[in-house]
Amino acid sequence: SLNYADIRKYYASNFEGNRYNYTLENVRVEKR
């Protein structure tokens, strides 16, 4: 549903004044 402009707008608002810890686990990579 979201395109580049929507994503930029959402994350700009989300990041404003907030900080997060982002964790990524069990990463799997598949070359297509």
Full PDB file with SEQRES, HELIX, SHEET, SSBOND, CRYST1, ORIGX, SCALE, CONECT and MASTER records, all heavy atoms in Angstrom:
SEQRES   1 A   32  SER LEU ASN TYR ALA ASP ILE ARG LYS TYR TYR ALA SER          
SEQRES   2 A   32  ASN PHE GLU GLY ASN ARG TYR ASN TYR THR LEU GLU ASN          
SEQRES   3 A   32  VAL ARG VAL GLU LYS ARG                                      
HELIX    1 AA1 TYR A    4  PHE A   15  1                                  12    
CRYST1    1.000    1.000    1.000  90.00  90.00  90.00 P 1           1          
ORIGX1      1.000000  0.000000  0.000000        0.00000                         
ORIGX2      0.000000  1.000000  0.000000        0.00000                         
ORIGX3      0.000000  0.000000  1.000000        0.00000                         
SCALE1      1.000000  0.000000  0.000000        0.00000                         
SCALE2      0.000000  1.000000  0.000000        0.00000                         
SCALE3      0.000000  0.000000  1.000000        0.00000                         
ATOM      1  N   SER A   1       0.784  -1.230   0.000  1.00  0.00           N  
ATOM      2  CA  SER A   1       0.000   0.000   0.000  1.00  0.00           C  
ATOM      3  C   SER A   1       0.818   1.283   0.000  1.00  0.00           C  
ATOM      4  O   SER A   1       0.424   2.249  -0.632  1.00  0.00           O  
ATOM      5  CB  SER A   1      -0.973   0.008   1.184  1.00  0.00           C  
ATOM      6  OG  SER A   1      -0.258  -0.050   2.400  1.00  0.00           O  
ATOM      7  N   LEU A   2       1.919   1.336   0.711  1.00  0.00           N  
ATOM      8  CA  LEU A   2       2.671   2.579   0.835  1.00  0.00           C  
ATOM      9  C   LEU A   2       3.738   2.690  -0.247  1.00  0.00           C  
ATOM     10  O   LEU A   2       4.449   1.728  -0.531  1.00  0.00           O  
ATOM     11  CB  LEU A   2       3.346   2.666   2.202  1.00  0.00           C  
ATOM     12  CG  LEU A   2       2.431   2.631   3.422  1.00  0.00           C  
ATOM     13  CD1 LEU A   2       3.256   2.672   4.693  1.00  0.00           C  
ATOM     14  CD2 LEU A   2       1.425   3.762   3.391  1.00  0.00           C  
ATOM     15  N   ASN A   3       3.866   3.879  -0.828  1.00  0.00           N  
ATOM     16  CA  ASN A   3       4.917   4.129  -1.806  1.00  0.00           C  
ATOM     17  C   ASN A   3       6.030   4.949  -1.147  1.00  0.00           C  
ATOM     18  O   ASN A   3       5.979   5.248   0.047  1.00  0.00           O  
ATOM     19  CB  ASN A   3       4.355   4.814  -3.052  1.00  0.00           C  
ATOM     20  CG  ASN A   3       3.780   6.184  -2.754  1.00  0.00           C  
ATOM     21  OD1 ASN A   3       4.206   6.870  -1.824  1.00  0.00           O  
ATOM     22  ND2 ASN A   3       2.803   6.598  -3.533  1.00  0.00           N  
ATOM     23  N   TYR A   4       7.001   5.337  -1.925  1.00  0.00           N  
ATOM     24  CA  TYR A   4       8.180   6.054  -1.409  1.00  0.00           C  
ATOM     25  C   TYR A   4       7.795   7.305  -0.625  1.00  0.00           C  
ATOM     26  O   TYR A   4       8.262   7.510   0.501  1.00  0.00           O  
ATOM     27  CB  TYR A   4       9.100   6.401  -2.575  1.00  0.00           C  
ATOM     28  CG  TYR A   4      10.362   7.131  -2.171  1.00  0.00           C  
ATOM     29  CD1 TYR A   4      11.478   6.423  -1.746  1.00  0.00           C  
ATOM     30  CD2 TYR A   4      10.436   8.514  -2.221  1.00  0.00           C  
ATOM     31  CE1 TYR A   4      12.638   7.074  -1.374  1.00  0.00           C  
ATOM     32  CE2 TYR A   4      11.596   9.178  -1.846  1.00  0.00           C  
ATOM     33  CZ  TYR A   4      12.691   8.461  -1.425  1.00  0.00           C  
ATOM     34  OH  TYR A   4      13.836   9.111  -1.048  1.00  0.00           O  
ATOM     35  N   ALA A   5       6.927   8.138  -1.181  1.00  0.00           N  
ATOM     36  CA  ALA A   5       6.531   9.380  -0.503  1.00  0.00           C  
ATOM     37  C   ALA A   5       5.816   9.088   0.809  1.00  0.00           C  
ATOM     38  O   ALA A   5       6.052   9.761   1.821  1.00  0.00           O  
ATOM     39  CB  ALA A   5       5.653  10.231  -1.421  1.00  0.00           C  
ATOM     40  N   ASP A   6       4.941   8.084   0.807  1.00  0.00           N  
ATOM     41  CA  ASP A   6       4.224   7.704   2.030  1.00  0.00           C  
ATOM     42  C   ASP A   6       5.194   7.217   3.098  1.00  0.00           C  
ATOM     43  O   ASP A   6       5.070   7.557   4.275  1.00  0.00           O  
ATOM     44  CB  ASP A   6       3.220   6.580   1.750  1.00  0.00           C  
ATOM     45  CG  ASP A   6       2.119   6.966   0.777  1.00  0.00           C  
ATOM     46  OD1 ASP A   6       1.733   8.147   0.733  1.00  0.00           O  
ATOM     47  OD2 ASP A   6       1.652   6.052   0.064  1.00  0.00           O  
ATOM     48  N   ILE A   7       6.142   6.394   2.680  1.00  0.00           N  
ATOM     49  CA  ILE A   7       7.126   5.843   3.614  1.00  0.00           C  
ATOM     50  C   ILE A   7       7.969   6.959   4.217  1.00  0.00           C  
ATOM     51  O   ILE A   7       8.184   7.005   5.431  1.00  0.00           O  
ATOM     52  CB  ILE A   7       8.018   4.798   2.903  1.00  0.00           C  
ATOM     53  CG1 ILE A   7       7.164   3.570   2.537  1.00  0.00           C  
ATOM     54  CG2 ILE A   7       9.216   4.403   3.753  1.00  0.00           C  
ATOM     55  CD1 ILE A   7       7.844   2.616   1.578  1.00  0.00           C  
ATOM     56  N   ARG A   8       8.438   7.863   3.383  1.00  0.00           N  
ATOM     57  CA  ARG A   8       9.248   8.990   3.880  1.00  0.00           C  
ATOM     58  C   ARG A   8       8.462   9.827   4.880  1.00  0.00           C  
ATOM     59  O   ARG A   8       8.972  10.174   5.948  1.00  0.00           O  
ATOM     60  CB  ARG A   8       9.733   9.844   2.713  1.00  0.00           C  
ATOM     61  CG  ARG A   8      10.711  10.923   3.175  1.00  0.00           C  
ATOM     62  CD  ARG A   8      11.267  11.691   2.034  1.00  0.00           C  
ATOM     63  NE  ARG A   8      10.194  12.499   1.467  1.00  0.00           N  
ATOM     64  CZ  ARG A   8      10.187  12.990   0.245  1.00  0.00           C  
ATOM     65  NH1 ARG A   8      11.184  12.743  -0.563  1.00  0.00           N  
ATOM     66  NH2 ARG A   8       9.200  13.719  -0.183  1.00  0.00           N  
ATOM     67  N   LYS A   9       7.222  10.110   4.566  1.00  0.00           N  
ATOM     68  CA  LYS A   9       6.379  10.909   5.460  1.00  0.00           C  
ATOM     69  C   LYS A   9       6.152  10.182   6.791  1.00  0.00           C  
ATOM     70  O   LYS A   9       6.271  10.781   7.861  1.00  0.00           O  
ATOM     71  CB  LYS A   9       5.045  11.203   4.774  1.00  0.00           C  
ATOM     72  CG  LYS A   9       4.120  12.057   5.585  1.00  0.00           C  
ATOM     73  CD  LYS A   9       2.840  12.332   4.815  1.00  0.00           C  
ATOM     74  CE  LYS A   9       1.863  13.138   5.654  1.00  0.00           C  
ATOM     75  NZ  LYS A   9       0.602  13.358   4.966  1.00  0.00           N  
ATOM     76  N   TYR A  10       5.833   8.899   6.720  1.00  0.00           N  
ATOM     77  CA  TYR A  10       5.579   8.127   7.932  1.00  0.00           C  
ATOM     78  C   TYR A  10       6.809   8.091   8.832  1.00  0.00           C  
ATOM     79  O   TYR A  10       6.727   8.363  10.029  1.00  0.00           O  
ATOM     80  CB  TYR A  10       5.133   6.697   7.600  1.00  0.00           C  
ATOM     81  CG  TYR A  10       5.092   5.837   8.841  1.00  0.00           C  
ATOM     82  CD1 TYR A  10       4.029   5.936   9.725  1.00  0.00           C  
ATOM     83  CD2 TYR A  10       6.149   4.973   9.148  1.00  0.00           C  
ATOM     84  CE1 TYR A  10       4.008   5.183  10.899  1.00  0.00           C  
ATOM     85  CE2 TYR A  10       6.131   4.221  10.314  1.00  0.00           C  
ATOM     86  CZ  TYR A  10       5.063   4.330  11.182  1.00  0.00           C  
ATOM     87  OH  TYR A  10       5.059   3.593  12.334  1.00  0.00           O  
ATOM     88  N   TYR A  11       7.964   7.714   8.272  1.00  0.00           N  
ATOM     89  CA  TYR A  11       9.157   7.579   9.102  1.00  0.00           C  
ATOM     90  C   TYR A  11       9.674   8.917   9.602  1.00  0.00           C  
ATOM     91  O   TYR A  11      10.202   8.994  10.716  1.00  0.00           O  
ATOM     92  CB  TYR A  11      10.241   6.768   8.390  1.00  0.00           C  
ATOM     93  CG  TYR A  11       9.923   5.295   8.385  1.00  0.00           C  
ATOM     94  CD1 TYR A  11       9.461   4.671   7.242  1.00  0.00           C  
ATOM     95  CD2 TYR A  11      10.048   4.528   9.542  1.00  0.00           C  
ATOM     96  CE1 TYR A  11       9.140   3.321   7.241  1.00  0.00           C  
ATOM     97  CE2 TYR A  11       9.736   3.182   9.553  1.00  0.00           C  
ATOM     98  CZ  TYR A  11       9.272   2.585   8.401  1.00  0.00           C  
ATOM     99  OH  TYR A  11       8.949   1.252   8.406  1.00  0.00           O  
ATOM    100  N   ALA A  12       9.529   9.980   8.841  1.00  0.00           N  
ATOM    101  CA  ALA A  12       9.930  11.307   9.332  1.00  0.00           C  
ATOM    102  C   ALA A  12       9.127  11.650  10.573  1.00  0.00           C  
ATOM    103  O   ALA A  12       9.672  12.141  11.574  1.00  0.00           O  
ATOM    104  CB  ALA A  12       9.730  12.354   8.241  1.00  0.00           C  
ATOM    105  N   SER A  13       7.840  11.378  10.545  1.00  0.00           N  
ATOM    106  CA  SER A  13       6.976  11.629  11.701  1.00  0.00           C  
ATOM    107  C   SER A  13       7.317  10.684  12.848  1.00  0.00           C  
ATOM    108  O   SER A  13       7.391  11.085  14.014  1.00  0.00           O  
ATOM    109  CB  SER A  13       5.515  11.458  11.284  1.00  0.00           C  
ATOM    110  OG  SER A  13       4.680  11.543  12.404  1.00  0.00           O  
ATOM    111  N   ASN A  14       7.539   9.427  12.528  1.00  0.00           N  
ATOM    112  CA  ASN A  14       7.841   8.412  13.535  1.00  0.00           C  
ATOM    113  C   ASN A  14       9.164   8.705  14.251  1.00  0.00           C  
ATOM    114  O   ASN A  14       9.269   8.529  15.460  1.00  0.00           O  
ATOM    115  CB  ASN A  14       7.897   7.034  12.875  1.00  0.00           C  
ATOM    116  CG  ASN A  14       8.065   5.918  13.859  1.00  0.00           C  
ATOM    117  OD1 ASN A  14       7.346   5.826  14.842  1.00  0.00           O  
ATOM    118  ND2 ASN A  14       9.024   5.049  13.600  1.00  0.00           N  
ATOM    119  N   PHE A  15      10.166   9.150  13.519  1.00  0.00           N  
ATOM    120  CA  PHE A  15      11.483   9.399  14.092  1.00  0.00           C  
ATOM    121  C   PHE A  15      11.529  10.699  14.895  1.00  0.00           C  
ATOM    122  O   PHE A  15      12.384  10.852  15.759  1.00  0.00           O  
ATOM    123  CB  PHE A  15      12.548   9.470  12.997  1.00  0.00           C  
ATOM    124  CG  PHE A  15      12.864   8.150  12.347  1.00  0.00           C  
ATOM    125  CD1 PHE A  15      13.549   8.125  11.150  1.00  0.00           C  
ATOM    126  CD2 PHE A  15      12.491   6.942  12.903  1.00  0.00           C  
ATOM    127  CE1 PHE A  15      13.864   6.921  10.527  1.00  0.00           C  
ATOM    128  CE2 PHE A  15      12.794   5.736  12.291  1.00  0.00           C  
ATOM    129  CZ  PHE A  15      13.489   5.727  11.101  1.00  0.00           C  
ATOM    130  N   GLU A  16      10.646  11.626  14.612  1.00  0.00           N  
ATOM    131  CA  GLU A  16      10.688  12.943  15.242  1.00  0.00           C  
ATOM    132  C   GLU A  16      10.552  12.821  16.762  1.00  0.00           C  
ATOM    133  O   GLU A  16       9.510  12.467  17.293  1.00  0.00           O  
ATOM    134  CB  GLU A  16       9.568  13.831  14.695  1.00  0.00           C  
ATOM    135  CG  GLU A  16       9.721  15.281  15.092  1.00  0.00           C  
ATOM    136  CD  GLU A  16       8.709  16.146  14.371  1.00  0.00           C  
ATOM    137  OE1 GLU A  16       8.725  16.150  13.131  1.00  0.00           O  
ATOM    138  OE2 GLU A  16       7.902  16.780  15.062  1.00  0.00           O  
ATOM    139  N   GLY A  17      11.648  13.116  17.445  1.00  0.00           N  
ATOM    140  CA  GLY A  17      11.647  13.103  18.902  1.00  0.00           C  
ATOM    141  C   GLY A  17      11.661  11.711  19.519  1.00  0.00           C  
ATOM    142  O   GLY A  17      11.580  11.585  20.738  1.00  0.00           O  
ATOM    143  N   ASN A  18      11.752  10.674  18.728  1.00  0.00           N  
ATOM    144  CA  ASN A  18      11.742   9.307  19.248  1.00  0.00           C  
ATOM    145  C   ASN A  18      13.029   8.581  18.863  1.00  0.00           C  
ATOM    146  O   ASN A  18      13.584   8.827  17.812  1.00  0.00           O  
ATOM    147  CB  ASN A  18      10.564   8.509  18.673  1.00  0.00           C  
ATOM    148  CG  ASN A  18       9.240   9.086  19.085  1.00  0.00           C  
ATOM    149  OD1 ASN A  18       8.981   9.300  20.256  1.00  0.00           O  
ATOM    150  ND2 ASN A  18       8.398   9.349  18.103  1.00  0.00           N  
ATOM    151  N   ARG A  19      13.432   7.659  19.714  1.00  0.00           N  
ATOM    152  CA  ARG A  19      14.553   6.781  19.402  1.00  0.00           C  
ATOM    153  C   ARG A  19      14.118   5.361  19.724  1.00  0.00           C  
ATOM    154  O   ARG A  19      13.359   5.123  20.663  1.00  0.00           O  
ATOM    155  CB  ARG A  19      15.805   7.132  20.217  1.00  0.00           C  
ATOM    156  CG  ARG A  19      16.438   8.455  19.812  1.00  0.00           C  
ATOM    157  CD  ARG A  19      16.893   8.431  18.349  1.00  0.00           C  
ATOM    158  NE  ARG A  19      17.238   9.725  17.875  1.00  0.00           N  
ATOM    159  CZ  ARG A  19      16.446  10.533  17.177  1.00  0.00           C  
ATOM    160  NH1 ARG A  19      15.216  10.183  16.889  1.00  0.00           N  
ATOM    161  NH2 ARG A  19      16.842  11.705  16.767  1.00  0.00           N  
ATOM    162  N   TYR A  20      14.622   4.437  18.932  1.00  0.00           N  
ATOM    163  CA  TYR A  20      14.223   3.045  19.055  1.00  0.00           C  
ATOM    164  C   TYR A  20      15.436   2.138  19.043  1.00  0.00           C  
ATOM    165  O   TYR A  20      16.466   2.470  18.465  1.00  0.00           O  
ATOM    166  CB  TYR A  20      13.323   2.638  17.879  1.00  0.00           C  
ATOM    167  CG  TYR A  20      12.075   3.471  17.768  1.00  0.00           C  
ATOM    168  CD1 TYR A  20      12.024   4.573  16.925  1.00  0.00           C  
ATOM    169  CD2 TYR A  20      10.950   3.161  18.525  1.00  0.00           C  
ATOM    170  CE1 TYR A  20      10.879   5.336  16.828  1.00  0.00           C  
ATOM    171  CE2 TYR A  20       9.793   3.930  18.428  1.00  0.00           C  
ATOM    172  CZ  TYR A  20       9.757   5.005  17.576  1.00  0.00           C  
ATOM    173  OH  TYR A  20       8.634   5.771  17.491  1.00  0.00           O  
ATOM    174  N   ASN A  21      15.283   0.980  19.662  1.00  0.00           N  
ATOM    175  CA  ASN A  21      16.229  -0.125  19.493  1.00  0.00           C  
ATOM    176  C   ASN A  21      15.600  -1.060  18.475  1.00  0.00           C  
ATOM    177  O   ASN A  21      14.445  -1.461  18.638  1.00  0.00           O  
ATOM    178  CB  ASN A  21      16.465  -0.881  20.796  1.00  0.00           C  
ATOM    179  CG  ASN A  21      17.278  -0.092  21.780  1.00  0.00           C  
ATOM    180  OD1 ASN A  21      18.135   0.700  21.395  1.00  0.00           O  
ATOM    181  ND2 ASN A  21      17.016  -0.284  23.049  1.00  0.00           N  
ATOM    182  N   TYR A  22      16.336  -1.390  17.417  1.00  0.00           N  
ATOM    183  CA  TYR A  22      15.840  -2.242  16.349  1.00  0.00           C  
ATOM    184  C   TYR A  22      16.681  -3.505  16.343  1.00  0.00           C  
ATOM    185  O   TYR A  22      17.901  -3.441  16.213  1.00  0.00           O  
ATOM    186  CB  TYR A  22      15.957  -1.528  15.003  1.00  0.00           C  
ATOM    187  CG  TYR A  22      15.255  -2.247  13.880  1.00  0.00           C  
ATOM    188  CD1 TYR A  22      13.970  -1.869  13.505  1.00  0.00           C  
ATOM    189  CD2 TYR A  22      15.856  -3.298  13.210  1.00  0.00           C  
ATOM    190  CE1 TYR A  22      13.310  -2.524  12.476  1.00  0.00           C  
ATOM    191  CE2 TYR A  22      15.205  -3.961  12.192  1.00  0.00           C  
ATOM    192  CZ  TYR A  22      13.932  -3.573  11.826  1.00  0.00           C  
ATOM    193  OH  TYR A  22      13.271  -4.222  10.830  1.00  0.00           O  
ATOM    194  N   THR A  23      16.028  -4.647  16.515  1.00  0.00           N  
ATOM    195  CA  THR A  23      16.720  -5.927  16.539  1.00  0.00           C  
ATOM    196  C   THR A  23      16.210  -6.800  15.403  1.00  0.00           C  
ATOM    197  O   THR A  23      15.005  -6.874  15.170  1.00  0.00           O  
ATOM    198  CB  THR A  23      16.475  -6.646  17.883  1.00  0.00           C  
ATOM    199  OG1 THR A  23      16.868  -5.787  18.943  1.00  0.00           O  
ATOM    200  CG2 THR A  23      17.253  -7.946  17.954  1.00  0.00           C  
ATOM    201  N   LEU A  24      17.124  -7.444  14.722  1.00  0.00           N  
ATOM    202  CA  LEU A  24      16.790  -8.358  13.633  1.00  0.00           C  
ATOM    203  C   LEU A  24      17.487  -9.686  13.919  1.00  0.00           C  
ATOM    204  O   LEU A  24      18.697  -9.722  14.154  1.00  0.00           O  
ATOM    205  CB  LEU A  24      17.264  -7.772  12.304  1.00  0.00           C  
ATOM    206  CG  LEU A  24      16.836  -8.469  11.037  1.00  0.00           C  
ATOM    207  CD1 LEU A  24      15.311  -8.498  10.916  1.00  0.00           C  
ATOM    208  CD2 LEU A  24      17.433  -7.760   9.832  1.00  0.00           C  
ATOM    209  N   GLU A  25      16.705 -10.778  13.925  1.00  0.00           N  
ATOM    210  CA  GLU A  25      17.246 -12.099  14.226  1.00  0.00           C  
ATOM    211  C   GLU A  25      16.797 -13.104  13.177  1.00  0.00           C  
ATOM    212  O   GLU A  25      15.834 -12.859  12.443  1.00  0.00           O  
ATOM    213  CB  GLU A  25      16.770 -12.569  15.600  1.00  0.00           C  
ATOM    214  CG  GLU A  25      17.240 -11.679  16.734  1.00  0.00           C  
ATOM    215  CD  GLU A  25      16.679 -12.101  18.078  1.00  0.00           C  
ATOM    216  OE1 GLU A  25      15.512 -12.545  18.135  1.00  0.00           O  
ATOM    217  OE2 GLU A  25      17.414 -11.989  19.064  1.00  0.00           O  
ATOM    218  N   ASN A  26      17.465 -14.249  13.167  1.00  0.00           N  
ATOM    219  CA  ASN A  26      17.118 -15.354  12.256  1.00  0.00           C  
ATOM    220  C   ASN A  26      17.047 -14.890  10.803  1.00  0.00           C  
ATOM    221  O   ASN A  26      16.110 -15.218  10.074  1.00  0.00           O  
ATOM    222  CB  ASN A  26      15.801 -16.012  12.669  1.00  0.00           C  
ATOM    223  CG  ASN A  26      15.833 -16.541  14.080  1.00  0.00           C  
ATOM    224  OD1 ASN A  26      16.832 -17.098  14.510  1.00  0.00           O  
ATOM    225  ND2 ASN A  26      14.758 -16.349  14.810  1.00  0.00           N  
ATOM    226  N   VAL A  27      18.044 -14.136  10.391  1.00  0.00           N  
ATOM    227  CA  VAL A  27      18.071 -13.578   9.038  1.00  0.00           C  
ATOM    228  C   VAL A  27      18.410 -14.673   8.033  1.00  0.00           C  
ATOM    229  O   VAL A  27      19.341 -15.461   8.224  1.00  0.00           O  
ATOM    230  CB  VAL A  27      19.107 -12.435   8.945  1.00  0.00           C  
ATOM    231  CG1 VAL A  27      19.216 -11.918   7.520  1.00  0.00           C  
ATOM    232  CG2 VAL A  27      18.729 -11.315   9.902  1.00  0.00           C  
ATOM    233  N   ARG A  28      17.622 -14.704   6.962  1.00  0.00           N  
ATOM    234  CA  ARG A  28      17.844 -15.643   5.871  1.00  0.00           C  
ATOM    235  C   ARG A  28      17.917 -14.851   4.578  1.00  0.00           C  
ATOM    236  O   ARG A  28      17.115 -13.946   4.351  1.00  0.00           O  
ATOM    237  CB  ARG A  28      16.705 -16.669   5.823  1.00  0.00           C  
ATOM    238  CG  ARG A  28      16.696 -17.526   7.077  1.00  0.00           C  
ATOM    239  CD  ARG A  28      15.413 -18.256   7.381  1.00  0.00           C  
ATOM    240  NE  ARG A  28      14.132 -17.603   7.264  1.00  0.00           N  
ATOM    241  CZ  ARG A  28      13.566 -16.808   8.179  1.00  0.00           C  
ATOM    242  NH1 ARG A  28      14.222 -16.480   9.271  1.00  0.00           N  
ATOM    243  NH2 ARG A  28      12.365 -16.309   8.003  1.00  0.00           N  
ATOM    244  N   VAL A  29      18.877 -15.186   3.735  1.00  0.00           N  
ATOM    245  CA  VAL A  29      19.094 -14.478   2.472  1.00  0.00           C  
ATOM    246  C   VAL A  29      18.923 -15.469   1.334  1.00  0.00           C  
ATOM    247  O   VAL A  29      19.486 -16.568   1.373  1.00  0.00           O  
ATOM    248  CB  VAL A  29      20.512 -13.859   2.427  1.00  0.00           C  
ATOM    249  CG1 VAL A  29      20.765 -13.182   1.089  1.00  0.00           C  
ATOM    250  CG2 VAL A  29      20.712 -12.894   3.580  1.00  0.00           C  
ATOM    251  N   GLU A  30      18.155 -15.061   0.332  1.00  0.00           N  
ATOM    252  CA  GLU A  30      17.917 -15.907  -0.841  1.00  0.00           C  
ATOM    253  C   GLU A  30      18.143 -15.075  -2.101  1.00  0.00           C  
ATOM    254  O   GLU A  30      17.496 -14.051  -2.291  1.00  0.00           O  
ATOM    255  CB  GLU A  30      16.479 -16.413  -0.817  1.00  0.00           C  
ATOM    256  CG  GLU A  30      16.085 -17.238  -2.008  1.00  0.00           C  
ATOM    257  CD  GLU A  30      14.595 -17.575  -1.987  1.00  0.00           C  
ATOM    258  OE1 GLU A  30      13.965 -17.544  -0.914  1.00  0.00           O  
ATOM    259  OE2 GLU A  30      14.068 -17.856  -3.080  1.00  0.00           O  
ATOM    260  N   LYS A  31      19.062 -15.523  -2.929  1.00  0.00           N  
ATOM    261  CA  LYS A  31      19.335 -14.837  -4.201  1.00  0.00           C  
ATOM    262  C   LYS A  31      18.352 -15.325  -5.241  1.00  0.00           C  
ATOM    263  O   LYS A  31      18.194 -16.523  -5.450  1.00  0.00           O  
ATOM    264  CB  LYS A  31      20.776 -15.121  -4.644  1.00  0.00           C  
ATOM    265  CG  LYS A  31      21.132 -14.561  -6.007  1.00  0.00           C  
ATOM    266  CD  LYS A  31      21.237 -13.051  -5.972  1.00  0.00           C  
ATOM    267  CE  LYS A  31      21.771 -12.519  -7.278  1.00  0.00           C  
ATOM    268  NZ  LYS A  31      20.851 -11.657  -7.981  1.00  0.00           N  
ATOM    269  N   ARG A  32      17.656 -14.384  -5.848  1.00  0.00           N  
ATOM    270  CA  ARG A  32      16.760 -14.717  -6.951  1.00  0.00           C  
ATOM    271  C   ARG A  32      17.315 -14.068  -8.207  1.00  0.00           C  
ATOM    272  O   ARG A  32      18.243 -13.272  -8.156  1.00  0.00           O  
ATOM    273  CB  ARG A  32      15.346 -14.206  -6.668  1.00  0.00           C  
ATOM    274  CG  ARG A  32      14.722 -14.928  -5.485  1.00  0.00           C  
ATOM    275  CD  ARG A  32      13.242 -14.937  -5.549  1.00  0.00           C  
ATOM    276  NE  ARG A  32      12.682 -15.683  -4.435  1.00  0.00           N  
ATOM    277  CZ  ARG A  32      11.530 -15.412  -3.899  1.00  0.00           C  
ATOM    278  NH1 ARG A  32      10.790 -14.427  -4.375  1.00  0.00           N  
ATOM    279  NH2 ARG A  32      11.075 -16.134  -2.906  1.00  0.00           N  
TER     280      ARG A  32                                                      
MASTER        0    0    0    1    0    0    0    6  279    1    0    3          
END                                                                             
